[in-house]
Protein backbone atom coordinates (compact mmCIF):
# COMPACT_ATOMS: atom_id res chain seq x y z
CA MET A 1 0.00 0.00 0.00
CA GLU A 2 1.57 3.22 -1.15
CA SER A 3 1.60 6.23 1.18
CA ARG A 4 -1.13 8.82 0.58
CA VAL A 5 0.85 11.79 1.98
CA LYS A 6 4.21 12.42 0.34
CA LEU A 7 6.93 15.06 0.39
CA ALA A 8 9.19 15.14 -2.68
CA GLY A 9 7.89 11.71 -3.71
CA HIS A 10 8.54 9.97 -0.38
CA PRO A 11 6.12 9.11 2.46
CA ALA A 12 5.86 12.07 4.85
CA HIS A 13 5.14 10.18 8.08
CA PRO A 14 8.48 8.31 8.31
CA MET A 15 10.32 11.56 7.56
CA LEU A 16 8.52 13.44 10.32
CA ILE A 17 8.70 10.86 13.11
CA VAL A 18 12.46 11.16 13.50
CA TYR A 19 12.01 14.55 15.17
CA PRO A 20 9.71 13.58 18.06
CA LEU A 21 11.61 10.30 18.54
CA GLY A 22 14.90 12.15 18.86
CA LEU A 23 13.62 15.08 20.89
CA LEU A 24 11.64 13.05 23.43
CA SER A 25 14.34 10.40 23.85
CA THR A 26 16.99 13.07 24.34
CA ALA A 27 14.83 14.80 26.95
CA VAL A 28 14.75 11.60 28.99
CA VAL A 29 18.52 11.16 28.59
CA PHE A 30 18.98 14.74 29.84
CA ASP A 31 16.73 14.02 32.82
CA VAL A 32 18.91 11.02 33.70
CA ILE A 33 22.04 13.17 33.37
CA HIS A 34 20.42 15.67 35.75
CA LEU A 35 19.66 12.91 38.25
CA VAL A 36 23.29 11.74 38.13
CA THR A 37 24.99 15.16 38.16
CA GLY A 38 22.44 17.41 39.86
CA ALA A 39 23.06 20.06 37.18
CA VAL A 40 19.79 21.90 36.46
CA ARG A 41 20.74 23.00 32.94
CA TRP A 42 19.89 19.48 31.72
CA THR A 43 16.29 19.60 32.96
CA GLU A 44 15.87 23.13 31.65
CA VAL A 45 16.81 21.95 28.17
CA ALA A 46 14.69 18.80 28.61
CA PHE A 47 11.65 21.03 29.24
CA TYR A 48 12.04 22.61 25.79
CA LEU A 49 12.83 19.29 24.13
CA VAL A 50 9.63 17.77 25.50
CA GLY A 51 7.57 20.71 24.24
CA ALA A 52 9.14 20.53 20.77
CA GLY A 53 8.78 16.74 20.72
CA VAL A 54 5.06 16.88 21.47
CA VAL A 55 4.52 19.46 18.71
CA GLY A 56 6.60 17.32 16.33
CA GLY A 57 4.61 14.24 17.29
CA LEU A 58 1.36 16.00 16.49
CA ALA A 59 2.77 17.05 13.10
CA ALA A 60 3.84 13.45 12.35
CA ALA A 61 0.46 12.08 13.44
CA VAL A 62 -1.48 13.82 10.66
CA PRO A 63 0.08 12.01 7.67
CA GLY A 64 0.26 8.84 9.76
CA TRP A 65 -3.48 8.96 10.34
CA VAL A 66 -4.18 9.64 6.66
CA ASP A 67 -2.05 6.64 5.65
CA TRP A 68 -3.67 4.41 8.28
CA ALA A 69 -7.18 5.39 7.12
CA ALA A 70 -6.29 4.17 3.61
CA ILE A 71 -5.29 0.67 4.78
CA PRO A 72 -8.01 -1.83 3.84
CA ARG A 73 -10.21 -2.99 6.70
CA GLY A 74 -9.77 -6.53 7.99
CA THR A 75 -6.03 -6.67 7.30
CA ARG A 76 -3.28 -7.31 9.82
CA ALA A 77 -1.72 -4.02 8.73
CA ARG A 78 -4.84 -2.13 9.82
CA ARG A 79 -4.75 -3.77 13.26
CA VAL A 80 -1.02 -3.17 13.75
CA GLY A 81 -1.47 0.42 12.53
CA LEU A 82 -4.24 0.98 15.06
CA LEU A 83 -2.01 -0.26 17.91
CA HIS A 84 0.84 1.92 16.61
CA GLY A 85 -1.35 5.01 16.41
CA VAL A 86 -3.17 4.59 19.72
CA GLY A 87 0.13 3.81 21.44
CA ASN A 88 1.66 6.99 20.06
CA VAL A 89 -1.32 9.07 21.18
CA ILE A 90 -0.68 7.71 24.69
CA VAL A 91 3.05 8.53 24.30
CA LEU A 92 2.22 12.13 23.37
CA GLY A 93 -0.21 12.32 26.28
CA LEU A 94 2.44 11.10 28.72
CA PHE A 95 4.96 13.65 27.48
CA ALA A 96 2.35 16.42 27.52
CA VAL A 97 1.73 15.58 31.20
CA SER A 98 5.49 15.61 31.79
CA TRP A 99 5.74 19.05 30.16
CA LEU A 100 2.84 20.43 32.23
CA LEU A 101 4.38 19.08 35.46
CA ARG A 102 7.70 20.76 34.55
CA ARG A 103 6.16 24.09 33.64
CA PRO A 104 6.14 25.74 37.07
CA ASP A 105 9.92 25.21 37.47
CA PRO A 106 11.68 23.68 34.44
CA ALA A 107 15.00 23.61 36.32
CA LEU A 108 13.66 21.37 39.11
CA PRO A 109 10.85 19.19 37.77
CA PRO A 110 8.99 16.93 40.14
CA THR A 111 9.99 13.27 40.09
CA ALA A 112 6.63 12.41 38.52
CA ALA A 113 7.56 14.44 35.40
CA ILE A 114 10.71 12.36 34.92
CA VAL A 115 8.96 9.04 35.63
CA VAL A 116 6.20 9.87 33.12
CA GLY A 117 8.89 10.67 30.54
CA VAL A 118 10.64 7.35 31.12
CA LEU A 119 7.30 5.51 30.73
CA GLY A 120 6.75 7.47 27.52
CA VAL A 121 10.10 6.36 26.09
CA VAL A 122 9.43 2.72 26.98
CA LEU A 123 6.04 2.82 25.23
CA MET A 124 7.56 4.81 22.35
CA SER A 125 10.05 1.99 21.80
CA ALA A 126 7.20 -0.49 21.43
CA THR A 127 5.24 1.75 19.05
CA ALA A 128 8.39 2.38 16.99
CA TRP A 129 8.77 -1.39 16.60
CA LEU A 130 5.15 -1.56 15.44
CA GLY A 131 5.88 1.19 12.92
CA GLY A 132 8.84 -0.80 11.65
CA GLU A 133 6.60 -3.85 11.34
CA LEU A 134 4.17 -1.82 9.25
CA VAL A 135 6.83 -0.63 6.81
CA GLU A 136 9.41 -3.40 6.75
CA ARG A 137 7.19 -6.44 7.08
CA LEU A 138 3.79 -5.37 5.80
CA GLY A 139 4.98 -2.85 3.20
CA VAL A 140 2.66 -0.06 4.31
CA GLY A 141 3.71 3.18 2.66
CA VAL A 142 5.96 1.30 0.26
CA ASP A 143 4.06 -0.29 -2.61
CA ASP A 144 0.47 -0.86 -3.67
CA ASP A 145 1.26 -4.57 -4.09
CA ALA A 146 2.50 -4.97 -0.49
CA ASN A 147 1.35 -7.97 1.57
CA LEU A 148 -0.94 -6.36 4.12
CA ASP A 149 -1.54 -9.71 5.83
CA ALA A 150 2.08 -10.89 6.20
CA PRO A 151 2.76 -12.77 9.46
CA SER A 152 4.69 -11.11 12.27
CA SER A 153 8.43 -10.72 11.75
CA LEU A 154 8.84 -12.44 15.12
CA THR A 155 7.36 -15.69 13.79
CA GLU A 156 8.82 -16.36 10.32
CA PRO A 157 10.91 -14.76 7.57
CA PRO A 158 9.10 -13.10 4.65
CA VAL A 159 8.69 -14.89 1.33
CA GLY A 160 11.80 -14.36 -0.75
CA ALA A 161 14.07 -13.94 2.25
CA TRP A 162 17.54 -15.47 2.06
CA ARG A 163 17.60 -19.19 2.63
CA PRO A 164 20.63 -21.48 2.57
CA VAL A 165 21.58 -23.08 -0.75
CA ARG A 166 20.87 -26.80 -0.77
CA ASP A 167 23.55 -29.40 -1.11
CA ARG A 168 23.64 -30.88 -4.64
CA ARG A 169 23.69 -34.38 -3.16
CA ASP A 170 20.30 -33.80 -1.52
CA PRO A 171 17.77 -35.63 -3.76
CA ALA A 172 14.80 -33.41 -2.89
CA PRO A 173 15.30 -29.65 -2.85
CA PRO A 174 13.15 -27.70 -0.40
CA THR A 175 10.10 -25.99 -1.85
CA TYR A 176 8.51 -22.75 -0.79
CA PRO A 177 5.01 -21.76 -1.91
CA GLY A 178 5.13 -19.06 -4.58
CA VAL A 179 8.95 -19.07 -4.80
CA GLU A 180 10.75 -20.54 -7.81
CA ARG A 181 14.46 -20.98 -7.10
CA ARG A 182 17.17 -22.08 -9.52
CA LEU A 183 20.67 -23.11 -8.68
CA PRO A 184 23.44 -21.27 -10.55
CA ASP A 185 24.14 -24.13 -13.04
CA ASP A 186 20.49 -24.91 -13.79
CA ARG A 187 19.53 -24.18 -17.42
CA PRO A 188 16.13 -22.77 -18.37
C-alpha cells in the first residue's frame, strides 16, 4: 500500500517521526544526566525538548493517520497500525503531562515528570517497533502490491528472504510456496 501523503515523492510520516523520537528520547537522557549530576541546565533543556517533541509528534500524526485510514479494513496491517497510532497518542499524552508538570519550574521538575517521561520512552520503543513492522514487514507506505496480511516478523521470515543453498547431493530440494528458485548451473 503506497503512502497517501508524500513530500518530494517519499512518504511524509516516516520523515517526520524522526524529530519527536529524537527530541523526546533526548529529553529523557537529559533528565537522567540531571539525576546523576544534579546540574539543572539538563532539565531546563529537557523542558524545551519535551515541548518541541510533542509538537513534532502532532505534526507526524497527521500524515500517519491519513495513511492508516487508507489501509483496507480486515487486514493485519490495519490492526497493527491501530495499535501503533493509539500507542503513540498515549506517548504524546504522557509527554504532555510531563511538560505540564515541569512548567512551574523547568529547572527542578517533580519526580513524577521524569517518571512519566521514562514511561513514555518505553512505550515509544514499542510503538516504533510496530511502525517498523508496518513498513518493513507489511509494506505499508511502500508499494500498492504490499502484503498487508504478512505474518509477524517475530514468527517467520518473509517470502523471498535469504535461505541457505541446498547441497547438490540432496535428492529433494526444499520448496517454498510461490517461490521458484534455480541453482546457478540450472539451465532454463
